[in-house]
Amino acid sequence: TTLLRGLRGPGDARAWGEFVKRYGALIRSVARRHGLQGADADDVLQDVLIGLTSAMPDFEYDPSRARFRTFLQRIVQRAIFRKFRKKMP
């Protein structure tokens, strides 16, 4: 929860660095498992970070509803879907 509090402010470079250290490889690997190439997986990570930057100030963590990873998983899935949609002719 300390990390989540740090993510509320986009200017907290330490918290965002810790987030990327903890979850960056996981986000990339999920994107790769869905068939995206390396550069596209990096784009998904960037899109997730941008989405989180705007979502975190209003995010209220309630462990009785879901884990943070569940929330993150939804954001990653949406970013992957958007990436595939952009690639469609």
N, C-alpha and C. Protein backbone atom coordinates (compact mmCIF):
# COMPACT_ATOMS: atom_id res chain seq x y z
N THR A 1 0.82 -1.20 0.00
CA THR A 1 0.00 0.00 0.00
C THR A 1 0.86 1.25 0.00
N THR A 2 2.08 1.16 0.50
CA THR A 2 2.97 2.32 0.47
C THR A 2 3.29 2.70 -0.97
N LEU A 3 3.55 1.71 -1.80
CA LEU A 3 3.82 1.98 -3.20
C LEU A 3 2.60 2.63 -3.87
N LEU A 4 1.42 2.12 -3.57
CA LEU A 4 0.21 2.68 -4.17
C LEU A 4 0.02 4.14 -3.76
N ARG A 5 0.33 4.45 -2.52
CA ARG A 5 0.23 5.86 -2.08
C ARG A 5 1.21 6.73 -2.86
N GLY A 6 2.40 6.20 -3.10
CA GLY A 6 3.40 6.95 -3.87
C GLY A 6 3.00 7.18 -5.31
N LEU A 7 2.25 6.23 -5.86
CA LEU A 7 1.83 6.35 -7.25
C LEU A 7 0.73 7.39 -7.45
N ARG A 8 0.13 7.83 -6.37
CA ARG A 8 -0.93 8.86 -6.48
C ARG A 8 -0.40 10.16 -7.06
N GLY A 9 0.86 10.44 -6.82
CA GLY A 9 1.47 11.66 -7.36
C GLY A 9 2.37 11.32 -8.53
N PRO A 10 2.10 11.86 -9.71
CA PRO A 10 2.93 11.53 -10.87
C PRO A 10 4.37 11.99 -10.72
N GLY A 11 4.62 12.89 -9.78
CA GLY A 11 5.98 13.40 -9.59
C GLY A 11 6.84 12.56 -8.68
N ASP A 12 6.31 11.50 -8.12
CA ASP A 12 7.08 10.65 -7.22
C ASP A 12 7.89 9.64 -8.03
N ALA A 13 9.05 10.08 -8.50
CA ALA A 13 9.88 9.25 -9.39
C ALA A 13 10.31 7.95 -8.70
N ARG A 14 10.56 7.99 -7.41
CA ARG A 14 10.99 6.79 -6.69
C ARG A 14 9.90 5.72 -6.73
N ALA A 15 8.66 6.13 -6.47
CA ALA A 15 7.54 5.18 -6.47
C ALA A 15 7.31 4.62 -7.88
N TRP A 16 7.35 5.48 -8.89
CA TRP A 16 7.14 5.01 -10.26
C TRP A 16 8.28 4.11 -10.70
N GLY A 17 9.50 4.42 -10.29
CA GLY A 17 10.64 3.55 -10.60
C GLY A 17 10.48 2.19 -9.95
N GLU A 18 10.02 2.16 -8.72
CA GLU A 18 9.76 0.91 -8.02
C GLU A 18 8.64 0.12 -8.71
N PHE A 19 7.62 0.81 -9.15
CA PHE A 19 6.53 0.14 -9.85
C PHE A 19 7.05 -0.54 -11.12
N VAL A 20 7.84 0.18 -11.92
CA VAL A 20 8.38 -0.39 -13.16
C VAL A 20 9.30 -1.56 -12.83
N LYS A 21 10.07 -1.43 -11.76
CA LYS A 21 10.97 -2.52 -11.35
C LYS A 21 10.16 -3.77 -10.98
N ARG A 22 9.05 -3.58 -10.28
CA ARG A 22 8.22 -4.72 -9.85
C ARG A 22 7.36 -5.30 -10.95
N TYR A 23 6.75 -4.43 -11.75
CA TYR A 23 5.72 -4.88 -12.68
C TYR A 23 6.07 -4.73 -14.16
N GLY A 24 7.12 -4.01 -14.49
CA GLY A 24 7.45 -3.77 -15.90
C GLY A 24 7.65 -5.03 -16.71
N ALA A 25 8.48 -5.94 -16.20
CA ALA A 25 8.75 -7.19 -16.92
C ALA A 25 7.48 -8.03 -17.03
N LEU A 26 6.67 -8.02 -15.99
CA LEU A 26 5.42 -8.78 -16.01
C LEU A 26 4.48 -8.25 -17.09
N ILE A 27 4.35 -6.94 -17.17
CA ILE A 27 3.47 -6.33 -18.18
C ILE A 27 3.97 -6.67 -19.58
N ARG A 28 5.28 -6.54 -19.79
CA ARG A 28 5.84 -6.88 -21.10
C ARG A 28 5.61 -8.34 -21.44
N SER A 29 5.80 -9.23 -20.47
CA SER A 29 5.65 -10.66 -20.76
C SER A 29 4.19 -11.02 -21.07
N VAL A 30 3.24 -10.37 -20.41
CA VAL A 30 1.83 -10.61 -20.74
C VAL A 30 1.55 -10.17 -22.17
N ALA A 31 2.08 -9.02 -22.54
CA ALA A 31 1.90 -8.53 -23.92
C ALA A 31 2.54 -9.48 -24.92
N ARG A 32 3.71 -10.00 -24.60
CA ARG A 32 4.39 -10.95 -25.50
C ARG A 32 3.60 -12.25 -25.61
N ARG A 33 3.05 -12.72 -24.50
CA ARG A 33 2.24 -13.95 -24.53
C ARG A 33 1.00 -13.79 -25.39
N HIS A 34 0.53 -12.56 -25.52
CA HIS A 34 -0.63 -12.30 -26.38
C HIS A 34 -0.21 -12.09 -27.83
N GLY A 35 1.07 -12.29 -28.14
CA GLY A 35 1.52 -12.27 -29.52
C GLY A 35 2.16 -10.98 -29.99
N LEU A 36 2.37 -10.03 -29.11
CA LEU A 36 2.99 -8.78 -29.52
C LEU A 36 4.51 -8.93 -29.57
N GLN A 37 5.12 -8.21 -30.50
CA GLN A 37 6.58 -8.19 -30.60
C GLN A 37 7.16 -7.28 -29.52
N GLY A 38 8.47 -7.30 -29.35
CA GLY A 38 9.13 -6.54 -28.29
C GLY A 38 8.79 -5.07 -28.25
N ALA A 39 8.87 -4.40 -29.40
CA ALA A 39 8.59 -2.96 -29.43
C ALA A 39 7.14 -2.68 -29.07
N ASP A 40 6.24 -3.54 -29.54
CA ASP A 40 4.83 -3.36 -29.21
C ASP A 40 4.56 -3.62 -27.73
N ALA A 41 5.28 -4.59 -27.16
CA ALA A 41 5.15 -4.86 -25.72
C ALA A 41 5.64 -3.66 -24.92
N ASP A 42 6.70 -3.02 -25.38
CA ASP A 42 7.19 -1.80 -24.73
C ASP A 42 6.15 -0.69 -24.82
N ASP A 43 5.49 -0.60 -25.97
CA ASP A 43 4.43 0.40 -26.14
C ASP A 43 3.28 0.14 -25.17
N VAL A 44 2.95 -1.13 -24.98
CA VAL A 44 1.89 -1.48 -24.02
C VAL A 44 2.30 -1.03 -22.62
N LEU A 45 3.54 -1.29 -22.24
CA LEU A 45 4.01 -0.85 -20.92
C LEU A 45 3.86 0.66 -20.79
N GLN A 46 4.27 1.38 -21.81
CA GLN A 46 4.15 2.84 -21.77
C GLN A 46 2.69 3.27 -21.67
N ASP A 47 1.82 2.63 -22.44
CA ASP A 47 0.39 2.96 -22.38
C ASP A 47 -0.19 2.68 -20.99
N VAL A 48 0.25 1.59 -20.38
CA VAL A 48 -0.21 1.25 -19.03
C VAL A 48 0.25 2.32 -18.04
N LEU A 49 1.50 2.73 -18.15
CA LEU A 49 2.01 3.76 -17.23
C LEU A 49 1.25 5.08 -17.41
N ILE A 50 0.95 5.43 -18.64
CA ILE A 50 0.18 6.65 -18.89
C ILE A 50 -1.21 6.52 -18.30
N GLY A 51 -1.84 5.37 -18.51
CA GLY A 51 -3.17 5.14 -17.95
C GLY A 51 -3.18 5.19 -16.44
N LEU A 52 -2.16 4.59 -15.84
CA LEU A 52 -2.08 4.60 -14.38
C LEU A 52 -1.84 6.00 -13.83
N THR A 53 -1.05 6.78 -14.54
CA THR A 53 -0.78 8.15 -14.10
C THR A 53 -2.07 8.93 -13.94
N SER A 54 -2.99 8.72 -14.87
CA SER A 54 -4.26 9.45 -14.77
C SER A 54 -5.24 8.78 -13.81
N ALA A 55 -5.15 7.45 -13.63
CA ALA A 55 -6.11 6.74 -12.78
C ALA A 55 -5.74 6.75 -11.30
N MET A 56 -4.47 6.79 -10.98
CA MET A 56 -4.05 6.61 -9.59
C MET A 56 -4.49 7.71 -8.63
N PRO A 57 -4.55 8.98 -9.03
CA PRO A 57 -4.99 9.98 -8.05
C PRO A 57 -6.37 9.70 -7.46
N ASP A 58 -7.25 9.06 -8.21
CA ASP A 58 -8.60 8.76 -7.73
C ASP A 58 -8.76 7.30 -7.29
N PHE A 59 -7.71 6.51 -7.42
CA PHE A 59 -7.79 5.08 -7.11
C PHE A 59 -7.88 4.87 -5.60
N GLU A 60 -8.86 4.12 -5.20
CA GLU A 60 -9.04 3.75 -3.79
C GLU A 60 -8.84 2.25 -3.67
N TYR A 61 -7.75 1.84 -3.07
CA TYR A 61 -7.47 0.41 -2.93
C TYR A 61 -8.36 -0.18 -1.85
N ASP A 62 -9.13 -1.18 -2.24
CA ASP A 62 -10.00 -1.90 -1.31
C ASP A 62 -9.73 -3.39 -1.50
N PRO A 63 -8.90 -3.97 -0.64
CA PRO A 63 -8.55 -5.38 -0.81
C PRO A 63 -9.73 -6.33 -0.71
N SER A 64 -10.84 -5.88 -0.14
CA SER A 64 -12.01 -6.76 -0.06
C SER A 64 -12.70 -6.88 -1.42
N ARG A 65 -12.49 -5.91 -2.31
CA ARG A 65 -13.09 -5.96 -3.65
C ARG A 65 -12.21 -6.73 -4.62
N ALA A 66 -10.93 -6.43 -4.63
CA ALA A 66 -10.00 -7.10 -5.54
C ALA A 66 -8.57 -6.70 -5.17
N ARG A 67 -7.64 -7.50 -5.63
CA ARG A 67 -6.24 -7.16 -5.42
C ARG A 67 -5.83 -6.10 -6.43
N PHE A 68 -4.74 -5.40 -6.14
CA PHE A 68 -4.23 -4.41 -7.08
C PHE A 68 -3.85 -5.07 -8.40
N ARG A 69 -3.33 -6.27 -8.34
CA ARG A 69 -2.95 -6.98 -9.56
C ARG A 69 -4.15 -7.20 -10.49
N THR A 70 -5.32 -7.38 -9.93
CA THR A 70 -6.54 -7.54 -10.74
C THR A 70 -6.83 -6.25 -11.49
N PHE A 71 -6.74 -5.13 -10.79
CA PHE A 71 -6.92 -3.81 -11.39
C PHE A 71 -5.88 -3.60 -12.49
N LEU A 72 -4.64 -3.93 -12.19
CA LEU A 72 -3.55 -3.77 -13.16
C LEU A 72 -3.77 -4.67 -14.37
N GLN A 73 -4.21 -5.89 -14.14
CA GLN A 73 -4.45 -6.82 -15.23
C GLN A 73 -5.48 -6.27 -16.21
N ARG A 74 -6.52 -5.65 -15.70
CA ARG A 74 -7.54 -5.07 -16.58
C ARG A 74 -6.95 -3.95 -17.44
N ILE A 75 -6.12 -3.13 -16.85
CA ILE A 75 -5.50 -2.03 -17.60
C ILE A 75 -4.58 -2.59 -18.67
N VAL A 76 -3.81 -3.63 -18.34
CA VAL A 76 -2.90 -4.24 -19.31
C VAL A 76 -3.70 -4.87 -20.46
N GLN A 77 -4.75 -5.59 -20.14
CA GLN A 77 -5.57 -6.21 -21.18
C GLN A 77 -6.17 -5.17 -22.13
N ARG A 78 -6.63 -4.08 -21.58
CA ARG A 78 -7.19 -3.01 -22.43
C ARG A 78 -6.11 -2.41 -23.33
N ALA A 79 -4.91 -2.22 -22.79
CA ALA A 79 -3.82 -1.66 -23.58
C ALA A 79 -3.43 -2.62 -24.72
N ILE A 80 -3.42 -3.92 -24.44
CA ILE A 80 -3.11 -4.91 -25.48
C ILE A 80 -4.20 -4.89 -26.55
N PHE A 81 -5.45 -4.84 -26.13
CA PHE A 81 -6.57 -4.81 -27.08
C PHE A 81 -6.46 -3.58 -27.98
N ARG A 82 -6.16 -2.42 -27.38
CA ARG A 82 -6.02 -1.19 -28.18
C ARG A 82 -4.88 -1.32 -29.18
N LYS A 83 -3.79 -1.97 -28.78
CA LYS A 83 -2.64 -2.15 -29.67
C LYS A 83 -3.02 -3.01 -30.87
N PHE A 84 -3.74 -4.11 -30.61
CA PHE A 84 -4.19 -4.95 -31.71
C PHE A 84 -5.16 -4.21 -32.62
N ARG A 85 -6.04 -3.44 -32.03
CA ARG A 85 -7.02 -2.69 -32.82
C ARG A 85 -6.33 -1.68 -33.73
N LYS A 86 -5.27 -1.05 -33.26
CA LYS A 86 -4.54 -0.09 -34.08
C LYS A 86 -3.84 -0.78 -35.24
N LYS A 87 -3.44 -2.03 -35.05
CA LYS A 87 -2.71 -2.75 -36.09
C LYS A 87 -3.62 -3.32 -37.17
N MET A 88 -4.91 -3.36 -36.90
CA MET A 88 -5.84 -3.91 -37.89
C MET A 88 -5.94 -2.95 -39.08
N PRO A 89 -6.02 -3.52 -40.30
CA PRO A 89 -6.10 -2.64 -41.49
C PRO A 89 -7.42 -1.93 -41.60
